[in-house]
C-alpha atoms as a PDB file:
ATOM      1  CA  UNK A   1       0.142  -0.099   0.003  1.00  0.00           C
ATOM      2  CA  UNK A   2       2.817   2.311   1.234  1.00  0.00           C
ATOM      3  CA  UNK A   3       4.689   1.446  -2.414  1.00  0.00           C
ATOM      4  CA  UNK A   4       1.160   2.380  -4.284  1.00  0.00           C
ATOM      5  CA  UNK A   5       0.429   5.964  -2.501  1.00  0.00           C
ATOM      6  CA  UNK A   6       4.145   6.645  -3.283  1.00  0.00           C
ATOM      7  CA  UNK A   7       4.475   6.163  -6.639  1.00  0.00           C
ATOM      8  CA  UNK A   8       1.186   8.064  -6.999  1.00  0.00           C
ATOM      9  CA  UNK A   9       2.271  11.116  -5.200  1.00  0.00           C
ATOM     10  CA  UNK A  10       5.569  10.939  -7.519  1.00  0.00           C
ATOM     11  CA  UNK A  11       3.272  10.615 -10.776  1.00  0.00           C
ATOM     12  CA  UNK A  12       1.031  13.616  -9.031  1.00  0.00           C
ATOM     13  CA  UNK A  13       4.117  15.659  -8.762  1.00  0.00           C
ATOM     14  CA  UNK A  14       5.790  14.830 -11.713  1.00  0.00           C
ATOM     15  CA  UNK A  15       2.264  16.022 -13.312  1.00  0.00           C
ATOM     16  CA  UNK A  16       2.315  19.485 -11.424  1.00  0.00           C
ATOM     17  CA  UNK A  17       6.038  20.063 -12.572  1.00  0.00           C
ATOM     18  CA  UNK A  18       5.210  18.813 -16.237  1.00  0.00           C
ATOM     19  CA  UNK A  19       2.093  21.372 -16.333  1.00  0.00           C
ATOM     20  CA  UNK A  20       4.011  24.282 -14.664  1.00  0.00           C
ATOM     21  CA  UNK A  21       6.755  24.081 -17.546  1.00  0.00           C
ATOM     22  CA  UNK A  22       4.082  23.772 -19.878  1.00  0.00           C
ATOM     23  CA  UNK A  23       2.732  27.325 -18.772  1.00  0.00           C
ATOM     24  CA  UNK A  24       6.087  29.152 -18.607  1.00  0.00           C
ATOM     25  CA  UNK A  25       6.176  27.838 -22.508  1.00  0.00           C
ATOM     26  CA  UNK A  26       3.208  29.662 -22.894  1.00  0.00           C
ATOM     27  CA  UNK A  27       3.082  33.689 -23.992  1.00  0.00           C
ATOM     28  CA  UNK A  28       2.848  35.858 -21.304  1.00  0.00           C
ATOM     29  CA  UNK A  29      -0.715  37.683 -19.989  1.00  0.00           C
ATOM     30  CA  UNK A  30      -2.851  34.764 -20.283  1.00  0.00           C
ATOM     31  CA  UNK A  31      -5.174  34.303 -17.041  1.00  0.00           C
ATOM     32  CA  UNK A  32      -5.566  31.189 -14.951  1.00  0.00           C
ATOM     33  CA  UNK A  33      -1.910  30.020 -14.511  1.00  0.00           C
ATOM     34  CA  UNK A  34      -2.703  28.107 -11.567  1.00  0.00           C
ATOM     35  CA  UNK A  35      -5.073  25.914 -13.589  1.00  0.00           C
ATOM     36  CA  UNK A  36      -2.028  24.710 -15.563  1.00  0.00           C
ATOM     37  CA  UNK A  37      -0.509  23.051 -12.274  1.00  0.00           C
ATOM     38  CA  UNK A  38      -3.795  21.418 -11.354  1.00  0.00           C
ATOM     39  CA  UNK A  39      -4.343  20.405 -14.854  1.00  0.00           C
ATOM     40  CA  UNK A  40      -0.685  18.875 -14.481  1.00  0.00           C
ATOM     41  CA  UNK A  41      -1.432  16.838 -11.072  1.00  0.00           C
ATOM     42  CA  UNK A  42      -5.101  15.784 -12.632  1.00  0.00           C
ATOM     43  CA  UNK A  43      -3.218  14.399 -15.689  1.00  0.00           C
ATOM     44  CA  UNK A  44      -0.237  12.487 -13.417  1.00  0.00           C
ATOM     45  CA  UNK A  45      -2.432  10.875 -11.052  1.00  0.00           C
ATOM     46  CA  UNK A  46      -4.868   9.710 -14.356  1.00  0.00           C
ATOM     47  CA  UNK A  47      -1.688   8.333 -15.661  1.00  0.00           C
ATOM     48  CA  UNK A  48      -0.566   6.638 -12.881  1.00  0.00           C
ATOM     49  CA  UNK A  49      -4.404   4.953 -12.421  1.00  0.00           C
ATOM     50  CA  UNK A  50      -3.663   3.763 -16.258  1.00  0.00           C
ATOM     51  CA  UNK A  51      -0.267   2.761 -15.340  1.00  0.00           C
ATOM     52  CA  UNK A  52      -1.689   0.922 -12.515  1.00  0.00           C
ATOM     53  CA  UNK A  53      -4.134  -1.371 -14.638  1.00  0.00           C
ATOM     54  CA  UNK A  54      -2.147  -1.872 -17.137  1.00  0.00           C
ATOM     55  CA  UNK A  55       0.592  -3.011 -14.812  1.00  0.00           C
ATOM     56  CA  UNK A  56      -1.669  -5.795 -13.209  1.00  0.00           C
ATOM     57  CA  UNK A  57      -3.261  -6.947 -16.726  1.00  0.00           C
ATOM     58  CA  UNK A  58      -0.228  -6.941 -18.465  1.00  0.00           C
ATOM     59  CA  UNK A  59       2.688  -6.317 -16.493  1.00  0.00           C
ATOM     60  CA  UNK A  60       3.361  -3.096 -18.233  1.00  0.00           C
ATOM     61  CA  UNK A  61       7.371  -1.707 -17.846  1.00  0.00           C
ATOM     62  CA  UNK A  62       7.939   0.870 -14.926  1.00  0.00           C
ATOM     63  CA  UNK A  63       9.504   3.173 -18.232  1.00  0.00           C
ATOM     64  CA  UNK A  64       5.720   3.304 -19.240  1.00  0.00           C
ATOM     65  CA  UNK A  65       4.587   5.467 -16.390  1.00  0.00           C
ATOM     66  CA  UNK A  66       7.055   8.635 -17.107  1.00  0.00           C
ATOM     67  CA  UNK A  67       5.596   8.192 -20.604  1.00  0.00           C
ATOM     68  CA  UNK A  68       1.689   8.411 -19.895  1.00  0.00           C
ATOM     69  CA  UNK A  69       2.473  11.083 -17.533  1.00  0.00           C
ATOM     70  CA  UNK A  70       4.132  13.856 -20.311  1.00  0.00           C
ATOM     71  CA  UNK A  71       1.263  12.381 -22.689  1.00  0.00           C
ATOM     72  CA  UNK A  72      -1.884  12.811 -20.507  1.00  0.00           C
ATOM     73  CA  UNK A  73      -0.356  16.333 -19.611  1.00  0.00           C
ATOM     74  CA  UNK A  74       0.571  17.406 -23.205  1.00  0.00           C
ATOM     75  CA  UNK A  75      -2.970  16.032 -24.555  1.00  0.00           C
ATOM     76  CA  UNK A  76      -4.978  17.912 -21.764  1.00  0.00           C
ATOM     77  CA  UNK A  77      -2.837  21.066 -21.616  1.00  0.00           C
ATOM     78  CA  UNK A  78      -2.381  21.021 -25.577  1.00  0.00           C
ATOM     79  CA  UNK A  79      -4.973  19.724 -28.000  1.00  0.00           C
ATOM     80  CA  UNK A  80      -7.510  19.058 -25.207  1.00  0.00           C
ATOM     81  CA  UNK A  81      -7.054  21.663 -23.247  1.00  0.00           C
ATOM     82  CA  UNK A  82      -7.966  24.930 -22.321  1.00  0.00           C
ATOM     83  CA  UNK A  83      -8.337  27.520 -24.343  1.00  0.00           C
ATOM     84  CA  UNK A  84      -6.408  30.549 -23.269  1.00  0.00           C
ATOM     85  CA  UNK A  85      -7.956  33.852 -22.806  1.00  0.00           C
ATOM     86  CA  UNK A  86      -5.807  37.161 -23.064  1.00  0.00           C
ATOM     87  CA  UNK A  87      -6.337  39.722 -20.551  1.00  0.00           C
ATOM     88  CA  UNK A  88      -7.620  42.906 -21.239  1.00  0.00           C
ATOM     89  CA  UNK A  89      -6.104  46.499 -20.655  1.00  0.00           C
ATOM     90  CA  UNK A  90      -7.648  47.382 -17.606  1.00  0.00           C
ATOM     91  CA  UNK A  91      -6.881  43.740 -15.935  1.00  0.00           C
ATOM     92  CA  UNK A  92     -10.357  42.415 -16.647  1.00  0.00           C
ATOM     93  CA  UNK A  93     -10.573  39.260 -18.140  1.00  0.00           C
ATOM     94  CA  UNK A  94     -13.375  39.411 -21.237  1.00  0.00           C
ATOM     95  CA  UNK A  95     -16.151  38.080 -21.510  1.00  0.00           C
END
């Protein structure tokens, strides 16, 4: 049980870190920067659950987990992710 929680925490923190890196590579001036970290955290946890199921059913190798985390974060913050919103001149979000 302790191994599962440790791997889950590591996958979640790696996903949050990759989400933060995704935020740094975006253009400045976008609203809700904290959302990238939260989406990365959720993607990391989801990737670990997929990895756990694959490990129990097919015996997937350990190197697959970081690849799944990167893929999930890229999918959730890239093509399937939130659309960028620009902050206006008066620091008010557009509607």
